[in-house]
PDB file of N, CA and C in Angstrom:
ATOM      1  N   MET A   1     -33.190  39.145  17.248  1.00  0.00           N
ATOM      2  CA  MET A   1     -32.834  38.756  15.900  1.00  0.00           C
ATOM      3  C   MET A   1     -31.583  39.538  15.494  1.00  0.00           C
ATOM      4  N   LEU A   2     -30.709  38.882  14.753  1.00  0.00           N
ATOM      5  CA  LEU A   2     -29.463  39.526  14.333  1.00  0.00           C
ATOM      6  C   LEU A   2     -29.624  40.132  12.941  1.00  0.00           C
ATOM      7  N   PHE A   3     -29.259  41.391  12.838  1.00  0.00           N
ATOM      8  CA  PHE A   3     -29.258  42.113  11.566  1.00  0.00           C
ATOM      9  C   PHE A   3     -27.840  42.602  11.281  1.00  0.00           C
ATOM     10  N   HIS A   4     -27.590  42.915  10.042  1.00  0.00           N
ATOM     11  CA  HIS A   4     -26.324  43.499   9.612  1.00  0.00           C
ATOM     12  C   HIS A   4     -26.637  44.832   8.940  1.00  0.00           C
ATOM     13  N   ALA A   5     -25.697  45.761   9.024  1.00  0.00           N
ATOM     14  CA  ALA A   5     -25.861  47.049   8.365  1.00  0.00           C
ATOM     15  C   ALA A   5     -24.630  47.367   7.533  1.00  0.00           C
ATOM     16  N   ALA A   6     -24.862  47.965   6.381  1.00  0.00           N
ATOM     17  CA  ALA A   6     -23.811  48.505   5.526  1.00  0.00           C
ATOM     18  C   ALA A   6     -24.073  49.998   5.426  1.00  0.00           C
ATOM     19  N   ILE A   7     -23.112  50.795   5.871  1.00  0.00           N
ATOM     20  CA  ILE A   7     -23.276  52.244   5.961  1.00  0.00           C
ATOM     21  C   ILE A   7     -22.249  52.915   5.058  1.00  0.00           C
ATOM     22  N   ASP A   8     -22.699  53.866   4.265  1.00  0.00           N
ATOM     23  CA  ASP A   8     -21.800  54.678   3.439  1.00  0.00           C
ATOM     24  C   ASP A   8     -21.911  56.121   3.896  1.00  0.00           C
ATOM     25  N   ILE A   9     -20.753  56.730   4.164  1.00  0.00           N
ATOM     26  CA  ILE A   9     -20.686  58.121   4.580  1.00  0.00           C
ATOM     27  C   ILE A   9     -19.823  58.857   3.566  1.00  0.00           C
ATOM     28  N   LEU A  10     -20.388  59.910   2.980  1.00  0.00           N
ATOM     29  CA  LEU A  10     -19.701  60.676   1.942  1.00  0.00           C
ATOM     30  C   LEU A  10     -19.731  62.155   2.264  1.00  0.00           C
ATOM     31  N   PRO A  11     -18.757  62.906   1.742  1.00  0.00           N
ATOM     32  CA  PRO A  11     -18.796  64.356   1.918  1.00  0.00           C
ATOM     33  C   PRO A  11     -20.052  64.925   1.252  1.00  0.00           C
ATOM     34  N   LEU A  12     -20.592  65.981   1.830  1.00  0.00           N
ATOM     35  CA  LEU A  12     -21.734  66.650   1.209  1.00  0.00           C
ATOM     36  C   LEU A  12     -21.353  67.110  -0.198  1.00  0.00           C
ATOM     37  N   PRO A  13     -22.287  67.066  -1.145  1.00  0.00           N
ATOM     38  CA  PRO A  13     -21.975  67.435  -2.530  1.00  0.00           C
ATOM     39  C   PRO A  13     -21.393  68.844  -2.680  1.00  0.00           C
ATOM     40  N   ALA A  14     -21.796  69.776  -1.837  1.00  0.00           N
ATOM     41  CA  ALA A  14     -21.321  71.156  -1.962  1.00  0.00           C
ATOM     42  C   ALA A  14     -19.901  71.352  -1.429  1.00  0.00           C
ATOM     43  N   LEU A  15     -19.359  70.365  -0.728  1.00  0.00           N
ATOM     44  CA  LEU A  15     -18.031  70.511  -0.125  1.00  0.00           C
ATOM     45  C   LEU A  15     -16.950  69.909  -1.001  1.00  0.00           C
ATOM     46  N   LEU A  16     -15.762  70.469  -0.887  1.00  0.00           N
ATOM     47  CA  LEU A  16     -14.612  69.929  -1.596  1.00  0.00           C
ATOM     48  C   LEU A  16     -14.267  68.554  -1.052  1.00  0.00           C
ATOM     49  N   ASP A  17     -13.758  67.712  -1.920  1.00  0.00           N
ATOM     50  CA  ASP A  17     -13.298  66.377  -1.556  1.00  0.00           C
ATOM     51  C   ASP A  17     -11.892  66.224  -2.126  1.00  0.00           C
ATOM     52  N   PRO A  18     -10.854  66.647  -1.393  1.00  0.00           N
ATOM     53  CA  PRO A  18      -9.499  66.625  -1.929  1.00  0.00           C
ATOM     54  C   PRO A  18      -9.037  65.244  -2.390  1.00  0.00           C
ATOM     55  N   GLN A  19      -9.390  64.198  -1.650  1.00  0.00           N
ATOM     56  CA  GLN A  19      -8.996  62.845  -2.059  1.00  0.00           C
ATOM     57  C   GLN A  19      -9.683  62.460  -3.368  1.00  0.00           C
ATOM     58  N   GLY A  20     -10.980  62.731  -3.443  1.00  0.00           N
ATOM     59  CA  GLY A  20     -11.715  62.425  -4.661  1.00  0.00           C
ATOM     60  C   GLY A  20     -11.189  63.209  -5.849  1.00  0.00           C
ATOM     61  N   LYS A  21     -10.854  64.472  -5.617  1.00  0.00           N
ATOM     62  CA  LYS A  21     -10.311  65.321  -6.685  1.00  0.00           C
ATOM     63  C   LYS A  21      -8.971  64.779  -7.183  1.00  0.00           C
ATOM     64  N   ALA A  22      -8.117  64.349  -6.260  1.00  0.00           N
ATOM     65  CA  ALA A  22      -6.816  63.798  -6.642  1.00  0.00           C
ATOM     66  C   ALA A  22      -6.984  62.542  -7.492  1.00  0.00           C
ATOM     67  N   VAL A  23      -7.902  61.685  -7.115  1.00  0.00           N
ATOM     68  CA  VAL A  23      -8.149  60.477  -7.898  1.00  0.00           C
ATOM     69  C   VAL A  23      -8.727  60.838  -9.262  1.00  0.00           C
ATOM     70  N   THR A  24      -9.721  61.727  -9.281  1.00  0.00           N
ATOM     71  CA  THR A  24     -10.324  62.158 -10.545  1.00  0.00           C
ATOM     72  C   THR A  24      -9.266  62.723 -11.488  1.00  0.00           C
ATOM     73  N   ASN A  25      -8.378  63.555 -10.959  1.00  0.00           N
ATOM     74  CA  ASN A  25      -7.347  64.183 -11.794  1.00  0.00           C
ATOM     75  C   ASN A  25      -6.336  63.187 -12.333  1.00  0.00           C
ATOM     76  N   ASN A  26      -6.146  62.067 -11.655  1.00  0.00           N
ATOM     77  CA  ASN A  26      -5.133  61.105 -12.088  1.00  0.00           C
ATOM     78  C   ASN A  26      -5.678  59.934 -12.892  1.00  0.00           C
ATOM     79  N   LEU A  27      -6.985  59.770 -12.953  1.00  0.00           N
ATOM     80  CA  LEU A  27      -7.549  58.679 -13.745  1.00  0.00           C
ATOM     81  C   LEU A  27      -7.140  58.733 -15.217  1.00  0.00           C
ATOM     82  N   PRO A  28      -7.122  59.914 -15.856  1.00  0.00           N
ATOM     83  CA  PRO A  28      -6.672  59.952 -17.262  1.00  0.00           C
ATOM     84  C   PRO A  28      -5.234  59.466 -17.435  1.00  0.00           C
ATOM     85  N   ASN A  29      -4.403  59.629 -16.415  1.00  0.00           N
ATOM     86  CA  ASN A  29      -3.011  59.200 -16.501  1.00  0.00           C
ATOM     87  C   ASN A  29      -2.871  57.687 -16.617  1.00  0.00           C
ATOM     88  N   ILE A  30      -3.901  56.968 -16.206  1.00  0.00           N
ATOM     89  CA  ILE A  30      -3.843  55.507 -16.313  1.00  0.00           C
ATOM     90  C   ILE A  30      -4.863  54.982 -17.326  1.00  0.00           C
ATOM     91  N   GLY A  31      -5.290  55.850 -18.236  1.00  0.00           N
ATOM     92  CA  GLY A  31      -6.167  55.444 -19.325  1.00  0.00           C
ATOM     93  C   GLY A  31      -7.630  55.298 -18.951  1.00  0.00           C
ATOM     94  N   LEU A  32      -8.049  55.939 -17.865  1.00  0.00           N
ATOM     95  CA  LEU A  32      -9.438  55.817 -17.421  1.00  0.00           C
ATOM     96  C   LEU A  32     -10.145  57.175 -17.413  1.00  0.00           C
ATOM     97  N   GLU A  33     -10.010  57.910 -18.506  1.00  0.00           N
ATOM     98  CA  GLU A  33     -10.603  59.245 -18.585  1.00  0.00           C
ATOM     99  C   GLU A  33     -12.127  59.215 -18.612  1.00  0.00           C
ATOM    100  N   GLN A  34     -12.740  58.047 -18.805  1.00  0.00           N
ATOM    101  CA  GLN A  34     -14.199  57.943 -18.796  1.00  0.00           C
ATOM    102  C   GLN A  34     -14.763  58.039 -17.373  1.00  0.00           C
ATOM    103  N   LEU A  35     -13.928  57.866 -16.375  1.00  0.00           N
ATOM    104  CA  LEU A  35     -14.366  57.905 -14.980  1.00  0.00           C
ATOM    105  C   LEU A  35     -14.143  59.307 -14.431  1.00  0.00           C
ATOM    106  N   THR A  36     -15.186  59.913 -13.896  1.00  0.00           N
ATOM    107  CA  THR A  36     -15.091  61.292 -13.419  1.00  0.00           C
ATOM    108  C   THR A  36     -15.832  61.461 -12.093  1.00  0.00           C
ATOM    109  N   ASN A  37     -15.657  62.623 -11.491  1.00  0.00           N
ATOM    110  CA  ASN A  37     -16.387  63.038 -10.303  1.00  0.00           C
ATOM    111  C   ASN A  37     -16.312  62.017  -9.164  1.00  0.00           C
ATOM    112  N   VAL A  38     -15.112  61.590  -8.832  1.00  0.00           N
ATOM    113  CA  VAL A  38     -14.904  60.623  -7.759  1.00  0.00           C
ATOM    114  C   VAL A  38     -15.118  61.308  -6.412  1.00  0.00           C
ATOM    115  N   ARG A  39     -15.860  60.664  -5.529  1.00  0.00           N
ATOM    116  CA  ARG A  39     -16.057  61.114  -4.155  1.00  0.00           C
ATOM    117  C   ARG A  39     -15.590  59.975  -3.260  1.00  0.00           C
ATOM    118  N   ILE A  40     -14.783  60.284  -2.282  1.00  0.00           N
ATOM    119  CA  ILE A  40     -14.240  59.259  -1.392  1.00  0.00           C
ATOM    120  C   ILE A  40     -14.796  59.470   0.008  1.00  0.00           C
ATOM    121  N   GLY A  41     -15.269  58.387   0.591  1.00  0.00           N
ATOM    122  CA  GLY A  41     -15.851  58.450   1.928  1.00  0.00           C
ATOM    123  C   GLY A  41     -15.477  57.237   2.739  1.00  0.00           C
ATOM    124  N   LYS A  42     -16.389  56.836   3.623  1.00  0.00           N
ATOM    125  CA  LYS A  42     -16.161  55.698   4.506  1.00  0.00           C
ATOM    126  C   LYS A  42     -17.260  54.669   4.291  1.00  0.00           C
ATOM    127  N   HIS A  43     -16.885  53.411   4.418  1.00  0.00           N
ATOM    128  CA  HIS A  43     -17.857  52.324   4.399  1.00  0.00           C
ATOM    129  C   HIS A  43     -17.729  51.594   5.728  1.00  0.00           C
ATOM    130  N   ILE A  44     -18.833  51.458   6.440  1.00  0.00           N
ATOM    131  CA  ILE A  44     -18.832  50.852   7.766  1.00  0.00           C
ATOM    132  C   ILE A  44     -19.838  49.711   7.775  1.00  0.00           C
ATOM    133  N   THR A  45     -19.467  48.603   8.390  1.00  0.00           N
ATOM    134  CA  THR A  45     -20.406  47.507   8.593  1.00  0.00           C
ATOM    135  C   THR A  45     -20.543  47.256  10.084  1.00  0.00           C
ATOM    136  N   MET A  46     -21.706  46.774  10.482  1.00  0.00           N
ATOM    137  CA  MET A  46     -21.915  46.438  11.887  1.00  0.00           C
ATOM    138  C   MET A  46     -23.036  45.419  12.008  1.00  0.00           C
ATOM    139  N   ASP A  47     -23.040  44.725  13.125  1.00  0.00           N
ATOM    140  CA  ASP A  47     -24.118  43.809  13.470  1.00  0.00           C
ATOM    141  C   ASP A  47     -25.022  44.498  14.478  1.00  0.00           C
ATOM    142  N   ILE A  48     -26.314  44.187  14.420  1.00  0.00           N
ATOM    143  CA  ILE A  48     -27.295  44.797  15.314  1.00  0.00           C
ATOM    144  C   ILE A  48     -28.188  43.696  15.866  1.00  0.00           C
ATOM    145  N   GLU A  49     -28.340  43.665  17.156  1.00  0.00           N
ATOM    146  CA  GLU A  49     -29.306  42.770  17.794  1.00  0.00           C
ATOM    147  C   GLU A  49     -30.560  43.591  18.057  1.00  0.00           C
ATOM    148  N   ALA A  50     -31.658  43.234  17.390  1.00  0.00           N
ATOM    149  CA  ALA A  50     -32.894  44.003  17.515  1.00  0.00           C
ATOM    150  C   ALA A  50     -34.092  43.084  17.312  1.00  0.00           C
ATOM    151  N   GLY A  51     -35.234  43.513  17.805  1.00  0.00           N
ATOM    152  CA  GLY A  51     -36.454  42.726  17.691  1.00  0.00           C
ATOM    153  C   GLY A  51     -37.101  42.787  16.323  1.00  0.00           C
ATOM    154  N   SER A  52     -36.794  43.826  15.541  1.00  0.00           N
ATOM    155  CA  SER A  52     -37.388  43.980  14.212  1.00  0.00           C
ATOM    156  C   SER A  52     -36.448  44.786  13.320  1.00  0.00           C
ATOM    157  N   ARG A  53     -36.713  44.727  12.021  1.00  0.00           N
ATOM    158  CA  ARG A  53     -35.914  45.512  11.074  1.00  0.00           C
ATOM    159  C   ARG A  53     -36.070  47.011  11.362  1.00  0.00           C
ATOM    160  N   GLU A  54     -37.282  47.428  11.707  1.00  0.00           N
ATOM    161  CA  GLU A  54     -37.523  48.845  11.996  1.00  0.00           C
ATOM    162  C   GLU A  54     -36.673  49.310  13.178  1.00  0.00           C
ATOM    163  N   GLU A  55     -36.595  48.486  14.218  1.00  0.00           N
ATOM    164  CA  GLU A  55     -35.769  48.846  15.372  1.00  0.00           C
ATOM    165  C   GLU A  55     -34.294  48.893  14.990  1.00  0.00           C
ATOM    166  N   ALA A  56     -33.852  47.930  14.193  1.00  0.00           N
ATOM    167  CA  ALA A  56     -32.457  47.904  13.741  1.00  0.00           C
ATOM    168  C   ALA A  56     -32.142  49.158  12.930  1.00  0.00           C
ATOM    169  N   GLU A  57     -33.056  49.545  12.035  1.00  0.00           N
ATOM    170  CA  GLU A  57     -32.847  50.751  11.233  1.00  0.00           C
ATOM    171  C   GLU A  57     -32.801  52.002  12.110  1.00  0.00           C
ATOM    172  N   ARG A  58     -33.643  52.047  13.116  1.00  0.00           N
ATOM    173  CA  ARG A  58     -33.641  53.192  14.030  1.00  0.00           C
ATOM    174  C   ARG A  58     -32.308  53.280  14.775  1.00  0.00           C
ATOM    175  N   LEU A  59     -31.804  52.144  15.236  1.00  0.00           N
ATOM    176  CA  LEU A  59     -30.538  52.129  15.969  1.00  0.00           C
ATOM    177  C   LEU A  59     -29.365  52.547  15.079  1.00  0.00           C
ATOM    178  N   VAL A  60     -29.343  52.047  13.859  1.00  0.00           N
ATOM    179  CA  VAL A  60     -28.262  52.412  12.935  1.00  0.00           C
ATOM    180  C   VAL A  60     -28.346  53.892  12.594  1.00  0.00           C
ATOM    181  N   GLY A  61     -29.547  54.393  12.330  1.00  0.00           N
ATOM    182  CA  GLY A  61     -29.714  55.818  12.038  1.00  0.00           C
ATOM    183  C   GLY A  61     -29.238  56.682  13.192  1.00  0.00           C
ATOM    184  N   GLU A  62     -29.558  56.270  14.403  1.00  0.00           N
ATOM    185  CA  GLU A  62     -29.127  57.022  15.584  1.00  0.00           C
ATOM    186  C   GLU A  62     -27.604  57.007  15.717  1.00  0.00           C
ATOM    187  N   ALA A  63     -26.981  55.857  15.456  1.00  0.00           N
ATOM    188  CA  ALA A  63     -25.517  55.774  15.518  1.00  0.00           C
ATOM    189  C   ALA A  63     -24.882  56.693  14.476  1.00  0.00           C
ATOM    190  N   CYS A  64     -25.460  56.722  13.283  1.00  0.00           N
ATOM    191  CA  CYS A  64     -24.927  57.592  12.224  1.00  0.00           C
ATOM    192  C   CYS A  64     -25.061  59.065  12.606  1.00  0.00           C
ATOM    193  N   GLU A  65     -26.227  59.438  13.111  1.00  0.00           N
ATOM    194  CA  GLU A  65     -26.486  60.839  13.443  1.00  0.00           C
ATOM    195  C   GLU A  65     -25.666  61.319  14.637  1.00  0.00           C
ATOM    196  N   LYS A  66     -25.469  60.445  15.629  1.00  0.00           N
ATOM    197  CA  LYS A  66     -24.818  60.871  16.868  1.00  0.00           C
ATOM    198  C   LYS A  66     -23.315  60.631  16.908  1.00  0.00           C
ATOM    199  N   LEU A  67     -22.817  59.706  16.072  1.00  0.00           N
ATOM    200  CA  LEU A  67     -21.419  59.332  16.215  1.00  0.00           C
ATOM    201  C   LEU A  67     -20.648  59.171  14.903  1.00  0.00           C
ATOM    202  N   LEU A  68     -21.227  58.489  13.949  1.00  0.00           N
ATOM    203  CA  LEU A  68     -20.454  58.085  12.775  1.00  0.00           C
ATOM    204  C   LEU A  68     -20.282  59.168  11.720  1.00  0.00           C
ATOM    205  N   ALA A  69     -21.271  60.017  11.533  1.00  0.00           N
ATOM    206  CA  ALA A  69     -21.212  61.041  10.482  1.00  0.00           C
ATOM    207  C   ALA A  69     -21.266  62.432  11.100  1.00  0.00           C
ATOM    208  N   ASN A  70     -20.538  63.345  10.493  1.00  0.00           N
ATOM    209  CA  ASN A  70     -20.575  64.747  10.893  1.00  0.00           C
ATOM    210  C   ASN A  70     -21.582  65.450   9.979  1.00  0.00           C
ATOM    211  N   PRO A  71     -22.776  65.791  10.480  1.00  0.00           N
ATOM    212  CA  PRO A  71     -23.819  66.339   9.605  1.00  0.00           C
ATOM    213  C   PRO A  71     -23.457  67.672   8.956  1.00  0.00           C
ATOM    214  N   ILE A  72     -22.461  68.358   9.473  1.00  0.00           N
ATOM    215  CA  ILE A  72     -22.035  69.621   8.872  1.00  0.00           C
ATOM    216  C   ILE A  72     -21.276  69.366   7.569  1.00  0.00           C
ATOM    217  N   MET A  73     -20.600  68.219   7.494  1.00  0.00           N
ATOM    218  CA  MET A  73     -19.735  67.947   6.351  1.00  0.00           C
ATOM    219  C   MET A  73     -20.094  66.683   5.568  1.00  0.00           C
ATOM    220  N   GLU A  74     -20.913  65.806   6.151  1.00  0.00           N
ATOM    221  CA  GLU A  74     -21.132  64.499   5.546  1.00  0.00           C
ATOM    222  C   GLU A  74     -22.610  64.139   5.484  1.00  0.00           C
ATOM    223  N   ARG A  75     -22.911  63.244   4.550  1.00  0.00           N
ATOM    224  CA  ARG A  75     -24.231  62.636   4.473  1.00  0.00           C
ATOM    225  C   ARG A  75     -24.031  61.130   4.598  1.00  0.00           C
ATOM    226  N   PHE A  76     -25.075  60.447   4.993  1.00  0.00           N
ATOM    227  CA  PHE A  76     -24.955  58.996   5.112  1.00  0.00           C
ATOM    228  C   PHE A  76     -26.186  58.318   4.538  1.00  0.00           C
ATOM    229  N   GLU A  77     -25.973  57.067   4.161  1.00  0.00           N
ATOM    230  CA  GLU A  77     -27.068  56.193   3.779  1.00  0.00           C
ATOM    231  C   GLU A  77     -26.682  54.801   4.238  1.00  0.00           C
ATOM    232  N   PHE A  78     -27.686  54.014   4.557  1.00  0.00           N
ATOM    233  CA  PHE A  78     -27.390  52.669   5.039  1.00  0.00           C
ATOM    234  C   PHE A  78     -28.455  51.695   4.585  1.00  0.00           C
ATOM    235  N   ARG A  79     -28.090  50.420   4.682  1.00  0.00           N
ATOM    236  CA  ARG A  79     -28.995  49.326   4.365  1.00  0.00           C
ATOM    237  C   ARG A  79     -28.888  48.317   5.491  1.00  0.00           C
ATOM    238  N   VAL A  80     -30.027  47.882   6.014  1.00  0.00           N
ATOM    239  CA  VAL A  80     -30.071  46.883   7.070  1.00  0.00           C
ATOM    240  C   VAL A  80     -30.640  45.606   6.476  1.00  0.00           C
ATOM    241  N   PHE A  81     -29.999  44.480   6.764  1.00  0.00           N
ATOM    242  CA  PHE A  81     -30.447  43.215   6.216  1.00  0.00           C
ATOM    243  C   PHE A  81     -30.206  42.093   7.204  1.00  0.00           C
ATOM    244  N   THR A  82     -30.921  40.992   7.012  1.00  0.00           N
ATOM    245  CA  THR A  82     -30.777  39.812   7.861  1.00  0.00           C
ATOM    246  C   THR A  82     -29.623  38.960   7.364  1.00  0.00           C
ATOM    247  N   ALA A  83     -29.239  37.996   8.174  1.00  0.00           N
ATOM    248  CA  ALA A  83     -28.166  37.084   7.776  1.00  0.00           C
ATOM    249  C   ALA A  83     -28.551  36.318   6.521  1.00  0.00           C
ATOM    250  N   GLU A  84     -29.830  35.956   6.397  1.00  0.00           N
ATOM    251  CA  GLU A  84     -30.288  35.226   5.205  1.00  0.00           C
ATOM    252  C   GLU A  84     -30.158  36.107   3.966  1.00  0.00           C
ATOM    253  N   GLU A  85     -30.508  37.376   4.081  1.00  0.00           N
ATOM    254  CA  GLU A  85     -30.386  38.300   2.944  1.00  0.00           C
ATOM    255  C   GLU A  85     -28.929  38.528   2.588  1.00  0.00           C
ATOM    256  N   ALA A  86     -28.049  38.500   3.579  1.00  0.00           N
ATOM    257  CA  ALA A  86     -26.615  38.699   3.328  1.00  0.00           C
ATOM    258  C   ALA A  86     -26.025  37.541   2.554  1.00  0.00           C
ATOM    259  N   ALA A  87     -26.591  36.352   2.719  1.00  0.00           N
ATOM    260  CA  ALA A  87     -26.069  35.160   2.065  1.00  0.00           C
ATOM    261  C   ALA A  87     -26.431  35.097   0.584  1.00  0.00           C
ATOM    262  N   ILE A  88     -27.375  35.920   0.170  1.00  0.00           N
ATOM    263  CA  ILE A  88     -27.830  35.897  -1.237  1.00  0.00           C
ATOM    264  C   ILE A  88     -26.826  36.565  -2.129  1.00  0.00           C
TER     265      ILE A  88
END
């Protein structure tokens, strides 16, 4: 069965985020002072061929832990869904 994954990887909250800080500092310059605490990370999508959602989630988690995210500096979260769920 084909599944899709949407993965977000962000810097750990305790670490500096220079890109996010630069954006946060410049939002007031364009009239958006209501927006604060910007954190910038990566968004990754992928397809997974797996027998079940649980297997797909396990595979995506393993990819995040072993390759996509640096656990010393980043945290990740992901969502796995079917093609039918993606169409909604």
